Amino acid sequence: MKLNNLNLNVKEIVNIVKGSTIGILIPMFIIGFIFNALGWTSSTLNDEKVTGLKSLFVFIITFPLYIILFFIIQFCYIYLGLKIYNFVIKLFRK
């Protein structure tokens, strides 16, 4: 079995993570927007459950924060995973 190094630079990893983040979070945003607009879900604002239009505003304001957090976590996971993978491959080649 031939093992190859995966030499991806940071820009390539960012593009991979960006594509996967957009692919999963855009449908989640649409579903969340619909559910909040119809009042099917509630949000917590200052330790108070809100529904309806307030819940929709809370959702719209906080969703970009979730996108950024998800992007950073996924980027770190892939970046560190590739570093560990390349290190292990170098160990086995020796």
N, C-alpha and C. Protein backbone atom coordinates (compact mmCIF):
# COMPACT_ATOMS: atom_id res chain seq x y z
N MET A 1 0.84 -1.17 0.00
CA MET A 1 0.00 0.00 0.00
C MET A 1 0.89 1.23 0.00
N LYS A 2 0.64 2.14 -0.93
CA LYS A 2 1.45 3.34 -1.04
C LYS A 2 0.75 4.48 -0.30
N LEU A 3 1.51 5.11 0.61
CA LEU A 3 0.97 6.23 1.37
C LEU A 3 1.57 7.52 0.85
N ASN A 4 0.74 8.49 0.59
CA ASN A 4 1.19 9.77 0.06
C ASN A 4 0.98 10.87 1.09
N ASN A 5 1.85 11.88 1.01
CA ASN A 5 1.64 13.06 1.84
C ASN A 5 0.52 13.90 1.25
N LEU A 6 -0.30 14.43 2.12
CA LEU A 6 -1.31 15.39 1.68
C LEU A 6 -0.78 16.77 2.00
N ASN A 7 -0.23 17.42 1.00
CA ASN A 7 0.35 18.75 1.21
C ASN A 7 -0.63 19.80 0.70
N LEU A 8 -1.56 20.16 1.56
CA LEU A 8 -2.50 21.22 1.23
C LEU A 8 -2.07 22.48 1.95
N ASN A 9 -2.12 23.60 1.23
CA ASN A 9 -1.79 24.85 1.92
C ASN A 9 -3.05 25.39 2.60
N VAL A 10 -2.88 26.45 3.35
CA VAL A 10 -3.98 27.01 4.14
C VAL A 10 -5.12 27.48 3.24
N LYS A 11 -4.79 28.07 2.10
CA LYS A 11 -5.83 28.56 1.19
C LYS A 11 -6.70 27.42 0.66
N GLU A 12 -6.10 26.29 0.33
CA GLU A 12 -6.86 25.13 -0.14
C GLU A 12 -7.76 24.59 0.97
N ILE A 13 -7.26 24.55 2.20
CA ILE A 13 -8.07 24.07 3.32
C ILE A 13 -9.24 25.02 3.57
N VAL A 14 -8.98 26.33 3.49
CA VAL A 14 -10.06 27.32 3.66
C VAL A 14 -11.14 27.11 2.61
N ASN A 15 -10.75 26.85 1.36
CA ASN A 15 -11.74 26.63 0.30
C ASN A 15 -12.56 25.36 0.56
N ILE A 16 -11.92 24.31 1.04
CA ILE A 16 -12.64 23.08 1.36
C ILE A 16 -13.64 23.33 2.49
N VAL A 17 -13.18 23.99 3.54
CA VAL A 17 -14.04 24.25 4.70
C VAL A 17 -15.17 25.21 4.32
N LYS A 18 -14.86 26.20 3.49
CA LYS A 18 -15.88 27.16 3.06
C LYS A 18 -16.99 26.46 2.28
N GLY A 19 -16.60 25.58 1.38
CA GLY A 19 -17.60 24.84 0.61
C GLY A 19 -18.47 23.95 1.47
N SER A 20 -17.86 23.26 2.41
CA SER A 20 -18.66 22.38 3.26
C SER A 20 -19.52 23.16 4.24
N THR A 21 -19.01 24.29 4.72
CA THR A 21 -19.79 25.12 5.64
C THR A 21 -21.00 25.72 4.93
N ILE A 22 -20.80 26.24 3.74
CA ILE A 22 -21.91 26.81 2.98
C ILE A 22 -22.92 25.73 2.64
N GLY A 23 -22.42 24.55 2.29
CA GLY A 23 -23.31 23.46 1.88
C GLY A 23 -24.24 22.98 2.98
N ILE A 24 -23.83 23.05 4.24
CA ILE A 24 -24.68 22.57 5.32
C ILE A 24 -25.42 23.70 6.02
N LEU A 25 -24.80 24.86 6.15
CA LEU A 25 -25.41 25.91 6.95
C LEU A 25 -26.43 26.76 6.20
N ILE A 26 -26.35 26.86 4.89
CA ILE A 26 -27.37 27.60 4.14
C ILE A 26 -28.73 26.91 4.26
N PRO A 27 -28.84 25.58 4.05
CA PRO A 27 -30.14 24.93 4.27
C PRO A 27 -30.60 25.03 5.73
N MET A 28 -29.67 24.96 6.68
CA MET A 28 -30.05 25.09 8.08
C MET A 28 -30.59 26.50 8.37
N PHE A 29 -30.00 27.51 7.74
CA PHE A 29 -30.48 28.87 7.92
C PHE A 29 -31.88 29.04 7.35
N ILE A 30 -32.12 28.49 6.18
CA ILE A 30 -33.44 28.59 5.56
C ILE A 30 -34.50 27.91 6.42
N ILE A 31 -34.19 26.71 6.89
CA ILE A 31 -35.14 25.99 7.75
C ILE A 31 -35.36 26.75 9.06
N GLY A 32 -34.30 27.23 9.68
CA GLY A 32 -34.42 27.99 10.92
C GLY A 32 -35.19 29.28 10.73
N PHE A 33 -34.97 29.94 9.60
CA PHE A 33 -35.70 31.18 9.30
C PHE A 33 -37.20 30.91 9.19
N ILE A 34 -37.54 29.86 8.48
CA ILE A 34 -38.96 29.51 8.31
C ILE A 34 -39.58 29.14 9.66
N PHE A 35 -38.90 28.31 10.43
CA PHE A 35 -39.44 27.89 11.73
C PHE A 35 -39.61 29.08 12.67
N ASN A 36 -38.63 29.99 12.69
CA ASN A 36 -38.75 31.15 13.56
C ASN A 36 -39.81 32.12 13.07
N ALA A 37 -39.92 32.29 11.77
CA ALA A 37 -40.93 33.20 11.22
C ALA A 37 -42.34 32.70 11.52
N LEU A 38 -42.52 31.39 11.52
CA LEU A 38 -43.85 30.84 11.79
C LEU A 38 -44.11 30.64 13.28
N GLY A 39 -43.09 30.88 14.10
CA GLY A 39 -43.26 30.76 15.55
C GLY A 39 -43.22 29.34 16.05
N TRP A 40 -42.64 28.42 15.28
CA TRP A 40 -42.57 27.02 15.69
C TRP A 40 -41.44 26.76 16.68
N THR A 41 -40.47 27.65 16.73
CA THR A 41 -39.35 27.51 17.67
C THR A 41 -39.25 28.77 18.52
N SER A 42 -38.49 28.67 19.58
CA SER A 42 -38.28 29.84 20.42
C SER A 42 -36.79 30.06 20.62
N SER A 43 -36.44 31.27 20.96
CA SER A 43 -35.06 31.62 21.26
C SER A 43 -35.00 32.17 22.67
N THR A 44 -33.81 32.17 23.23
CA THR A 44 -33.63 32.72 24.57
C THR A 44 -32.90 34.05 24.46
N LEU A 45 -33.49 35.07 25.02
CA LEU A 45 -32.91 36.40 25.01
C LEU A 45 -32.99 36.95 26.42
N ASN A 46 -31.84 37.18 27.04
CA ASN A 46 -31.77 37.67 28.43
C ASN A 46 -32.54 36.76 29.38
N ASP A 47 -32.31 35.47 29.27
CA ASP A 47 -32.95 34.44 30.11
C ASP A 47 -34.48 34.45 29.99
N GLU A 48 -34.98 34.86 28.87
CA GLU A 48 -36.42 34.88 28.63
C GLU A 48 -36.68 34.24 27.27
N LYS A 49 -37.62 33.29 27.23
CA LYS A 49 -37.95 32.65 25.96
C LYS A 49 -38.81 33.59 25.13
N VAL A 50 -38.40 33.80 23.89
CA VAL A 50 -39.15 34.67 22.98
C VAL A 50 -39.53 33.87 21.75
N THR A 51 -40.66 34.21 21.18
CA THR A 51 -41.12 33.56 19.96
C THR A 51 -41.54 34.64 18.97
N GLY A 52 -41.86 34.20 17.78
CA GLY A 52 -42.36 35.12 16.76
C GLY A 52 -41.27 36.00 16.18
N LEU A 53 -41.60 37.28 16.01
CA LEU A 53 -40.70 38.23 15.36
C LEU A 53 -39.41 38.45 16.17
N LYS A 54 -39.52 38.52 17.50
CA LYS A 54 -38.33 38.67 18.34
C LYS A 54 -37.39 37.48 18.15
N SER A 55 -37.97 36.29 18.13
CA SER A 55 -37.17 35.08 17.94
C SER A 55 -36.49 35.10 16.57
N LEU A 56 -37.18 35.59 15.57
CA LEU A 56 -36.60 35.68 14.23
C LEU A 56 -35.41 36.64 14.22
N PHE A 57 -35.54 37.79 14.89
CA PHE A 57 -34.43 38.74 14.95
C PHE A 57 -33.23 38.15 15.70
N VAL A 58 -33.49 37.47 16.80
CA VAL A 58 -32.41 36.83 17.55
C VAL A 58 -31.71 35.80 16.67
N PHE A 59 -32.48 35.02 15.95
CA PHE A 59 -31.92 34.00 15.06
C PHE A 59 -31.05 34.63 13.97
N ILE A 60 -31.54 35.68 13.35
CA ILE A 60 -30.80 36.34 12.26
C ILE A 60 -29.51 36.97 12.78
N ILE A 61 -29.53 37.51 13.98
CA ILE A 61 -28.34 38.15 14.53
C ILE A 61 -27.31 37.12 14.99
N THR A 62 -27.75 36.02 15.58
CA THR A 62 -26.80 35.05 16.13
C THR A 62 -26.31 34.02 15.12
N PHE A 63 -27.02 33.81 14.04
CA PHE A 63 -26.61 32.77 13.09
C PHE A 63 -25.23 33.02 12.49
N PRO A 64 -24.85 34.25 12.12
CA PRO A 64 -23.47 34.45 11.62
C PRO A 64 -22.41 34.07 12.64
N LEU A 65 -22.70 34.23 13.92
CA LEU A 65 -21.74 33.81 14.94
C LEU A 65 -21.56 32.29 14.92
N TYR A 66 -22.65 31.57 14.71
CA TYR A 66 -22.56 30.11 14.60
C TYR A 66 -21.77 29.70 13.36
N ILE A 67 -21.95 30.43 12.28
CA ILE A 67 -21.21 30.13 11.05
C ILE A 67 -19.71 30.30 11.29
N ILE A 68 -19.33 31.40 11.90
CA ILE A 68 -17.91 31.66 12.17
C ILE A 68 -17.34 30.61 13.11
N LEU A 69 -18.06 30.29 14.16
CA LEU A 69 -17.61 29.28 15.12
C LEU A 69 -17.45 27.92 14.44
N PHE A 70 -18.43 27.51 13.66
CA PHE A 70 -18.38 26.23 12.96
C PHE A 70 -17.23 26.20 11.97
N PHE A 71 -16.99 27.31 11.27
CA PHE A 71 -15.90 27.40 10.30
C PHE A 71 -14.55 27.24 10.99
N ILE A 72 -14.35 27.93 12.11
CA ILE A 72 -13.07 27.86 12.83
C ILE A 72 -12.82 26.46 13.37
N ILE A 73 -13.84 25.86 13.96
CA ILE A 73 -13.68 24.51 14.51
C ILE A 73 -13.34 23.51 13.41
N GLN A 74 -14.06 23.59 12.29
CA GLN A 74 -13.82 22.66 11.20
C GLN A 74 -12.45 22.88 10.57
N PHE A 75 -12.03 24.14 10.43
CA PHE A 75 -10.71 24.43 9.88
C PHE A 75 -9.61 23.84 10.77
N CYS A 76 -9.70 24.08 12.07
CA CYS A 76 -8.70 23.55 13.01
C CYS A 76 -8.66 22.03 12.97
N TYR A 77 -9.82 21.41 12.89
CA TYR A 77 -9.91 19.96 12.84
C TYR A 77 -9.19 19.41 11.61
N ILE A 78 -9.45 19.98 10.46
CA ILE A 78 -8.82 19.51 9.22
C ILE A 78 -7.33 19.84 9.21
N TYR A 79 -6.96 21.06 9.60
CA TYR A 79 -5.56 21.48 9.57
C TYR A 79 -4.71 20.61 10.50
N LEU A 80 -5.16 20.46 11.74
CA LEU A 80 -4.40 19.63 12.69
C LEU A 80 -4.41 18.15 12.28
N GLY A 81 -5.52 17.69 11.74
CA GLY A 81 -5.59 16.30 11.28
C GLY A 81 -4.60 16.02 10.17
N LEU A 82 -4.46 16.96 9.22
CA LEU A 82 -3.49 16.78 8.14
C LEU A 82 -2.06 16.85 8.66
N LYS A 83 -1.80 17.71 9.62
CA LYS A 83 -0.45 17.78 10.21
C LYS A 83 -0.10 16.46 10.91
N ILE A 84 -1.03 15.92 11.67
CA ILE A 84 -0.80 14.64 12.35
C ILE A 84 -0.64 13.52 11.33
N TYR A 85 -1.48 13.51 10.29
CA TYR A 85 -1.39 12.49 9.25
C TYR A 85 -0.02 12.52 8.57
N ASN A 86 0.43 13.71 8.18
CA ASN A 86 1.73 13.82 7.51
C ASN A 86 2.87 13.41 8.44
N PHE A 87 2.76 13.72 9.73
CA PHE A 87 3.78 13.32 10.70
C PHE A 87 3.85 11.79 10.82
N VAL A 88 2.70 11.15 10.89
CA VAL A 88 2.65 9.68 11.01
C VAL A 88 3.20 9.04 9.74
N ILE A 89 2.86 9.58 8.59
CA ILE A 89 3.37 9.04 7.33
C ILE A 89 4.90 9.14 7.28
N LYS A 90 5.44 10.28 7.72
CA LYS A 90 6.90 10.43 7.75
C LYS A 90 7.55 9.44 8.71
N LEU A 91 6.89 9.15 9.82
CA LEU A 91 7.44 8.15 10.76
C LEU A 91 7.50 6.77 10.13
N PHE A 92 6.47 6.37 9.41
CA PHE A 92 6.43 5.04 8.82
C PHE A 92 7.35 4.91 7.63
N ARG A 93 7.68 5.99 6.97
CA ARG A 93 8.58 5.92 5.83
C ARG A 93 10.01 5.67 6.25
N LYS A 94 10.36 6.04 7.46
CA LYS A 94 11.75 5.87 7.92
C LYS A 94 12.05 4.46 8.31
